[in-house]
Amino acid sequence: QAQLVESGGGSVQPGGSLRLSCVASGLSLEYYSIGWFRQAPGKEREGVSTIGDTDDNSYYSESVKGRFTISRDNAKNTVYLQMNRLKLEDTAVYYCYIGADWGQGTQVTVSS
């Protein structure tokens, strides 16, 4: 079973940026598609972005398209989510998902 550890969350003002990281152990990241999800208080978990395994095709939800960028470093077994121009509604716990495993999540709070 893989272990996924997210980091990089925090508190920022609207318009700010954060970069989330998800370090995987127990698997080789190069063979997997990767997803970032988020869950805001009182809401269901939703998909934010995914990146493919073989061709690095990426997908973004409409709410983050143009502001977030997903990337991967297979040598470091790490996936990133660069989040720019953050909005209040981006506040949530962010999770990475690889294979059939979830990380523990990292809190992102956008407030003025």
N, C-alpha and C. Protein backbone atom coordinates (compact mmCIF):
# COMPACT_ATOMS: atom_id res chain seq x y z
N GLN A 1 0.85 -1.19 0.00
CA GLN A 1 0.00 0.00 0.00
C GLN A 1 0.88 1.24 0.00
N ALA A 2 0.54 2.18 -0.88
CA ALA A 2 1.34 3.39 -0.99
C ALA A 2 1.05 4.34 0.16
N GLN A 3 2.02 5.15 0.46
CA GLN A 3 1.82 6.24 1.41
C GLN A 3 1.99 7.56 0.68
N LEU A 4 1.05 8.46 0.89
CA LEU A 4 1.07 9.76 0.23
C LEU A 4 1.05 10.83 1.30
N VAL A 5 1.96 11.77 1.20
CA VAL A 5 2.05 12.83 2.20
C VAL A 5 1.99 14.18 1.49
N GLU A 6 0.92 14.92 1.75
CA GLU A 6 0.77 16.25 1.19
C GLU A 6 1.38 17.29 2.11
N SER A 7 1.82 18.37 1.51
CA SER A 7 2.32 19.51 2.28
C SER A 7 2.16 20.76 1.42
N GLY A 8 2.41 21.91 2.05
CA GLY A 8 2.39 23.17 1.32
C GLY A 8 1.15 24.01 1.54
N GLY A 9 0.18 23.46 2.27
CA GLY A 9 -1.01 24.25 2.55
C GLY A 9 -0.70 25.39 3.51
N GLY A 10 -1.68 26.26 3.69
CA GLY A 10 -1.49 27.38 4.60
C GLY A 10 -2.60 28.38 4.42
N SER A 11 -2.37 29.56 4.99
CA SER A 11 -3.34 30.64 4.91
C SER A 11 -2.78 31.75 4.03
N VAL A 12 -3.58 32.19 3.09
CA VAL A 12 -3.17 33.26 2.19
C VAL A 12 -4.33 34.21 1.96
N GLN A 13 -4.02 35.38 1.49
CA GLN A 13 -5.06 36.34 1.11
C GLN A 13 -5.52 36.05 -0.32
N PRO A 14 -6.69 36.51 -0.67
CA PRO A 14 -7.14 36.36 -2.06
C PRO A 14 -6.12 36.97 -3.02
N GLY A 15 -5.89 36.25 -4.11
CA GLY A 15 -4.89 36.68 -5.07
C GLY A 15 -3.52 36.08 -4.84
N GLY A 16 -3.34 35.45 -3.69
CA GLY A 16 -2.05 34.86 -3.36
C GLY A 16 -1.83 33.52 -4.04
N SER A 17 -0.67 32.93 -3.73
CA SER A 17 -0.28 31.65 -4.35
C SER A 17 0.21 30.67 -3.29
N LEU A 18 0.04 29.42 -3.59
CA LEU A 18 0.59 28.33 -2.80
C LEU A 18 0.99 27.22 -3.75
N ARG A 19 1.97 26.43 -3.34
CA ARG A 19 2.31 25.23 -4.10
C ARG A 19 2.20 24.02 -3.19
N LEU A 20 1.32 23.14 -3.54
CA LEU A 20 1.15 21.90 -2.78
C LEU A 20 2.06 20.82 -3.35
N SER A 21 2.53 19.97 -2.48
CA SER A 21 3.35 18.83 -2.86
C SER A 21 2.72 17.55 -2.32
N CYS A 22 2.89 16.49 -3.05
CA CYS A 22 2.45 15.17 -2.58
C CYS A 22 3.59 14.20 -2.88
N VAL A 23 4.20 13.70 -1.82
CA VAL A 23 5.31 12.76 -1.96
C VAL A 23 4.78 11.35 -1.77
N ALA A 24 5.08 10.50 -2.73
CA ALA A 24 4.59 9.12 -2.68
C ALA A 24 5.72 8.17 -2.30
N SER A 25 5.39 7.19 -1.51
CA SER A 25 6.31 6.10 -1.20
C SER A 25 5.56 4.78 -1.34
N GLY A 26 6.30 3.75 -1.68
CA GLY A 26 5.66 2.45 -1.85
C GLY A 26 5.16 2.19 -3.25
N LEU A 27 5.41 3.13 -4.15
CA LEU A 27 5.09 2.93 -5.55
C LEU A 27 5.97 3.84 -6.39
N SER A 28 6.03 3.52 -7.68
CA SER A 28 6.78 4.38 -8.60
C SER A 28 5.80 5.27 -9.34
N LEU A 29 5.91 6.54 -9.10
CA LEU A 29 4.93 7.49 -9.60
C LEU A 29 4.79 7.45 -11.11
N GLU A 30 5.83 7.08 -11.81
CA GLU A 30 5.83 7.16 -13.27
C GLU A 30 4.78 6.27 -13.91
N TYR A 31 4.27 5.29 -13.18
CA TYR A 31 3.31 4.36 -13.76
C TYR A 31 1.86 4.73 -13.49
N TYR A 32 1.64 5.89 -12.85
CA TYR A 32 0.31 6.22 -12.39
C TYR A 32 -0.18 7.58 -12.89
N SER A 33 -1.47 7.64 -13.14
CA SER A 33 -2.13 8.94 -13.22
C SER A 33 -2.33 9.45 -11.80
N ILE A 34 -2.38 10.75 -11.68
CA ILE A 34 -2.42 11.37 -10.34
C ILE A 34 -3.54 12.39 -10.32
N GLY A 35 -4.22 12.46 -9.20
CA GLY A 35 -5.28 13.44 -9.06
C GLY A 35 -5.13 14.28 -7.81
N TRP A 36 -5.55 15.52 -7.92
CA TRP A 36 -5.73 16.39 -6.75
C TRP A 36 -7.22 16.62 -6.58
N PHE A 37 -7.68 16.45 -5.36
CA PHE A 37 -9.07 16.67 -5.00
C PHE A 37 -9.10 17.65 -3.84
N ARG A 38 -10.28 18.19 -3.58
CA ARG A 38 -10.43 19.06 -2.42
C ARG A 38 -11.82 18.88 -1.82
N GLN A 39 -11.89 19.19 -0.55
CA GLN A 39 -13.16 19.10 0.16
C GLN A 39 -13.30 20.31 1.07
N ALA A 40 -14.30 21.10 0.77
CA ALA A 40 -14.60 22.28 1.59
C ALA A 40 -15.59 21.87 2.69
N PRO A 41 -15.64 22.61 3.78
CA PRO A 41 -16.56 22.28 4.87
C PRO A 41 -18.00 22.18 4.37
N GLY A 42 -18.64 21.07 4.72
CA GLY A 42 -20.04 20.89 4.35
C GLY A 42 -20.28 20.50 2.91
N LYS A 43 -19.20 20.28 2.16
CA LYS A 43 -19.34 19.93 0.75
C LYS A 43 -18.71 18.58 0.46
N GLU A 44 -19.08 18.00 -0.66
CA GLU A 44 -18.49 16.75 -1.07
C GLU A 44 -17.09 16.98 -1.66
N ARG A 45 -16.29 15.92 -1.61
CA ARG A 45 -14.97 16.00 -2.22
C ARG A 45 -15.12 16.14 -3.73
N GLU A 46 -14.33 17.02 -4.32
CA GLU A 46 -14.43 17.26 -5.75
C GLU A 46 -13.06 17.18 -6.40
N GLY A 47 -13.05 16.76 -7.66
CA GLY A 47 -11.81 16.71 -8.41
C GLY A 47 -11.36 18.09 -8.83
N VAL A 48 -10.08 18.34 -8.70
CA VAL A 48 -9.50 19.63 -9.06
C VAL A 48 -8.67 19.51 -10.32
N SER A 49 -7.79 18.51 -10.35
CA SER A 49 -6.88 18.37 -11.47
C SER A 49 -6.33 16.96 -11.51
N THR A 50 -6.04 16.50 -12.72
CA THR A 50 -5.38 15.21 -12.88
C THR A 50 -4.29 15.32 -13.93
N ILE A 51 -3.33 14.43 -13.84
CA ILE A 51 -2.26 14.36 -14.84
C ILE A 51 -2.04 12.91 -15.19
N GLY A 52 -1.86 12.63 -16.49
CA GLY A 52 -1.75 11.25 -16.97
C GLY A 52 -0.42 10.61 -16.63
N ASP A 53 -0.36 9.31 -16.85
CA ASP A 53 0.85 8.57 -16.55
C ASP A 53 1.81 8.55 -17.72
N THR A 54 1.30 8.29 -18.92
CA THR A 54 2.21 8.12 -20.05
C THR A 54 2.40 9.39 -20.87
N ASP A 55 1.40 10.24 -20.97
CA ASP A 55 1.53 11.38 -21.87
C ASP A 55 1.41 12.72 -21.16
N ASP A 56 1.29 12.66 -19.86
CA ASP A 56 1.23 13.89 -19.07
C ASP A 56 0.07 14.80 -19.45
N ASN A 57 -0.97 14.24 -20.09
CA ASN A 57 -2.16 15.06 -20.31
C ASN A 57 -2.73 15.49 -18.99
N SER A 58 -3.09 16.74 -18.90
CA SER A 58 -3.63 17.25 -17.66
C SER A 58 -5.07 17.70 -17.85
N TYR A 59 -5.79 17.66 -16.76
CA TYR A 59 -7.20 18.07 -16.72
C TYR A 59 -7.39 19.01 -15.55
N TYR A 60 -8.24 20.01 -15.73
CA TYR A 60 -8.56 20.95 -14.66
C TYR A 60 -10.07 21.16 -14.59
N SER A 61 -10.58 21.27 -13.41
CA SER A 61 -11.97 21.65 -13.26
C SER A 61 -12.14 23.08 -13.74
N GLU A 62 -13.34 23.41 -14.13
CA GLU A 62 -13.59 24.77 -14.64
C GLU A 62 -13.29 25.83 -13.59
N SER A 63 -13.48 25.49 -12.34
CA SER A 63 -13.31 26.48 -11.28
C SER A 63 -11.84 26.87 -11.06
N VAL A 64 -10.90 26.03 -11.54
CA VAL A 64 -9.48 26.34 -11.30
C VAL A 64 -8.69 26.51 -12.59
N LYS A 65 -9.32 26.24 -13.72
CA LYS A 65 -8.62 26.31 -15.00
C LYS A 65 -8.04 27.70 -15.21
N GLY A 66 -6.77 27.73 -15.61
CA GLY A 66 -6.10 28.99 -15.84
C GLY A 66 -5.42 29.56 -14.60
N ARG A 67 -5.70 28.97 -13.44
CA ARG A 67 -5.08 29.45 -12.20
C ARG A 67 -4.19 28.39 -11.55
N PHE A 68 -4.54 27.14 -11.70
CA PHE A 68 -3.79 26.03 -11.09
C PHE A 68 -3.02 25.28 -12.17
N THR A 69 -1.88 24.74 -11.77
CA THR A 69 -1.07 23.93 -12.67
C THR A 69 -0.59 22.68 -11.94
N ILE A 70 -0.87 21.52 -12.54
CA ILE A 70 -0.42 20.27 -11.96
C ILE A 70 0.86 19.84 -12.68
N SER A 71 1.78 19.28 -11.93
CA SER A 71 3.02 18.79 -12.54
C SER A 71 3.53 17.62 -11.71
N ARG A 72 4.49 16.90 -12.28
CA ARG A 72 5.02 15.74 -11.59
C ARG A 72 6.52 15.67 -11.79
N ASP A 73 7.21 15.14 -10.81
CA ASP A 73 8.63 14.87 -10.88
C ASP A 73 8.80 13.40 -10.51
N ASN A 74 8.87 12.57 -11.52
CA ASN A 74 8.94 11.13 -11.25
C ASN A 74 10.22 10.75 -10.50
N ALA A 75 11.28 11.47 -10.76
CA ALA A 75 12.54 11.16 -10.08
C ALA A 75 12.43 11.38 -8.57
N LYS A 76 11.60 12.34 -8.19
CA LYS A 76 11.39 12.63 -6.76
C LYS A 76 10.14 11.97 -6.23
N ASN A 77 9.44 11.24 -7.10
CA ASN A 77 8.18 10.60 -6.70
C ASN A 77 7.21 11.61 -6.09
N THR A 78 7.14 12.77 -6.70
CA THR A 78 6.38 13.88 -6.14
C THR A 78 5.50 14.50 -7.22
N VAL A 79 4.29 14.88 -6.81
CA VAL A 79 3.39 15.61 -7.67
C VAL A 79 3.10 16.96 -7.02
N TYR A 80 2.94 17.97 -7.83
CA TYR A 80 2.75 19.33 -7.33
C TYR A 80 1.43 19.91 -7.85
N LEU A 81 0.93 20.86 -7.11
CA LEU A 81 -0.19 21.66 -7.58
C LEU A 81 0.14 23.11 -7.27
N GLN A 82 0.48 23.85 -8.32
CA GLN A 82 0.74 25.28 -8.18
C GLN A 82 -0.59 26.01 -8.27
N MET A 83 -0.90 26.77 -7.25
CA MET A 83 -2.19 27.46 -7.18
C MET A 83 -1.93 28.96 -7.14
N ASN A 84 -2.37 29.65 -8.17
CA ASN A 84 -2.20 31.10 -8.27
C ASN A 84 -3.55 31.78 -8.26
N ARG A 85 -3.51 33.06 -7.99
CA ARG A 85 -4.74 33.88 -7.95
C ARG A 85 -5.82 33.19 -7.14
N LEU A 86 -5.46 32.81 -5.94
CA LEU A 86 -6.39 32.07 -5.09
C LEU A 86 -7.60 32.91 -4.72
N LYS A 87 -8.73 32.23 -4.61
CA LYS A 87 -10.00 32.87 -4.28
C LYS A 87 -10.52 32.30 -2.95
N LEU A 88 -11.45 33.03 -2.36
CA LEU A 88 -12.03 32.58 -1.11
C LEU A 88 -12.60 31.17 -1.25
N GLU A 89 -13.20 30.91 -2.39
CA GLU A 89 -13.85 29.62 -2.59
C GLU A 89 -12.88 28.47 -2.82
N ASP A 90 -11.59 28.76 -2.88
CA ASP A 90 -10.59 27.69 -2.96
C ASP A 90 -10.28 27.10 -1.59
N THR A 91 -10.82 27.69 -0.54
CA THR A 91 -10.59 27.18 0.80
C THR A 91 -11.12 25.76 0.93
N ALA A 92 -10.25 24.84 1.33
CA ALA A 92 -10.62 23.43 1.42
C ALA A 92 -9.42 22.63 1.93
N VAL A 93 -9.68 21.39 2.25
CA VAL A 93 -8.59 20.44 2.46
C VAL A 93 -8.30 19.79 1.10
N TYR A 94 -7.03 19.80 0.73
CA TYR A 94 -6.62 19.28 -0.57
C TYR A 94 -5.95 17.92 -0.38
N TYR A 95 -6.34 16.99 -1.23
CA TYR A 95 -5.85 15.61 -1.15
C TYR A 95 -5.25 15.20 -2.49
N CYS A 96 -4.20 14.40 -2.43
CA CYS A 96 -3.74 13.76 -3.66
C CYS A 96 -4.22 12.32 -3.66
N TYR A 97 -4.38 11.79 -4.86
CA TYR A 97 -4.91 10.45 -5.05
C TYR A 97 -4.09 9.76 -6.12
N ILE A 98 -3.49 8.65 -5.76
CA ILE A 98 -2.63 7.91 -6.68
C ILE A 98 -2.93 6.42 -6.52
N GLY A 99 -3.20 5.76 -7.63
CA GLY A 99 -3.57 4.34 -7.56
C GLY A 99 -4.91 4.23 -6.87
N ALA A 100 -4.93 3.63 -5.72
CA ALA A 100 -6.17 3.53 -4.93
C ALA A 100 -5.98 4.15 -3.56
N ASP A 101 -5.01 5.03 -3.44
CA ASP A 101 -4.64 5.57 -2.14
C ASP A 101 -4.81 7.09 -2.08
N TRP A 102 -5.18 7.53 -0.89
CA TRP A 102 -5.34 8.95 -0.60
C TRP A 102 -4.29 9.39 0.41
N GLY A 103 -3.88 10.67 0.27
CA GLY A 103 -3.08 11.26 1.32
C GLY A 103 -3.97 11.72 2.46
N GLN A 104 -3.33 12.31 3.47
CA GLN A 104 -4.08 12.74 4.65
C GLN A 104 -4.69 14.13 4.46
N GLY A 105 -4.23 14.83 3.45
CA GLY A 105 -4.78 16.15 3.15
C GLY A 105 -3.95 17.27 3.73
N THR A 106 -4.05 18.43 3.11
CA THR A 106 -3.40 19.64 3.61
C THR A 106 -4.39 20.79 3.48
N GLN A 107 -4.49 21.58 4.53
CA GLN A 107 -5.50 22.64 4.59
C GLN A 107 -5.03 23.87 3.83
N VAL A 108 -5.90 24.38 2.98
CA VAL A 108 -5.68 25.66 2.29
C VAL A 108 -6.79 26.60 2.71
N THR A 109 -6.41 27.74 3.26
CA THR A 109 -7.38 28.73 3.70
C THR A 109 -7.09 30.06 3.01
N VAL A 110 -8.08 30.54 2.30
CA VAL A 110 -7.96 31.84 1.61
C VAL A 110 -8.92 32.80 2.30
N SER A 111 -8.37 33.82 2.91
CA SER A 111 -9.22 34.77 3.63
C SER A 111 -8.57 36.14 3.61
N SER A 112 -9.41 37.14 3.74
CA SER A 112 -8.91 38.51 3.75
C SER A 112 -8.90 39.04 5.18
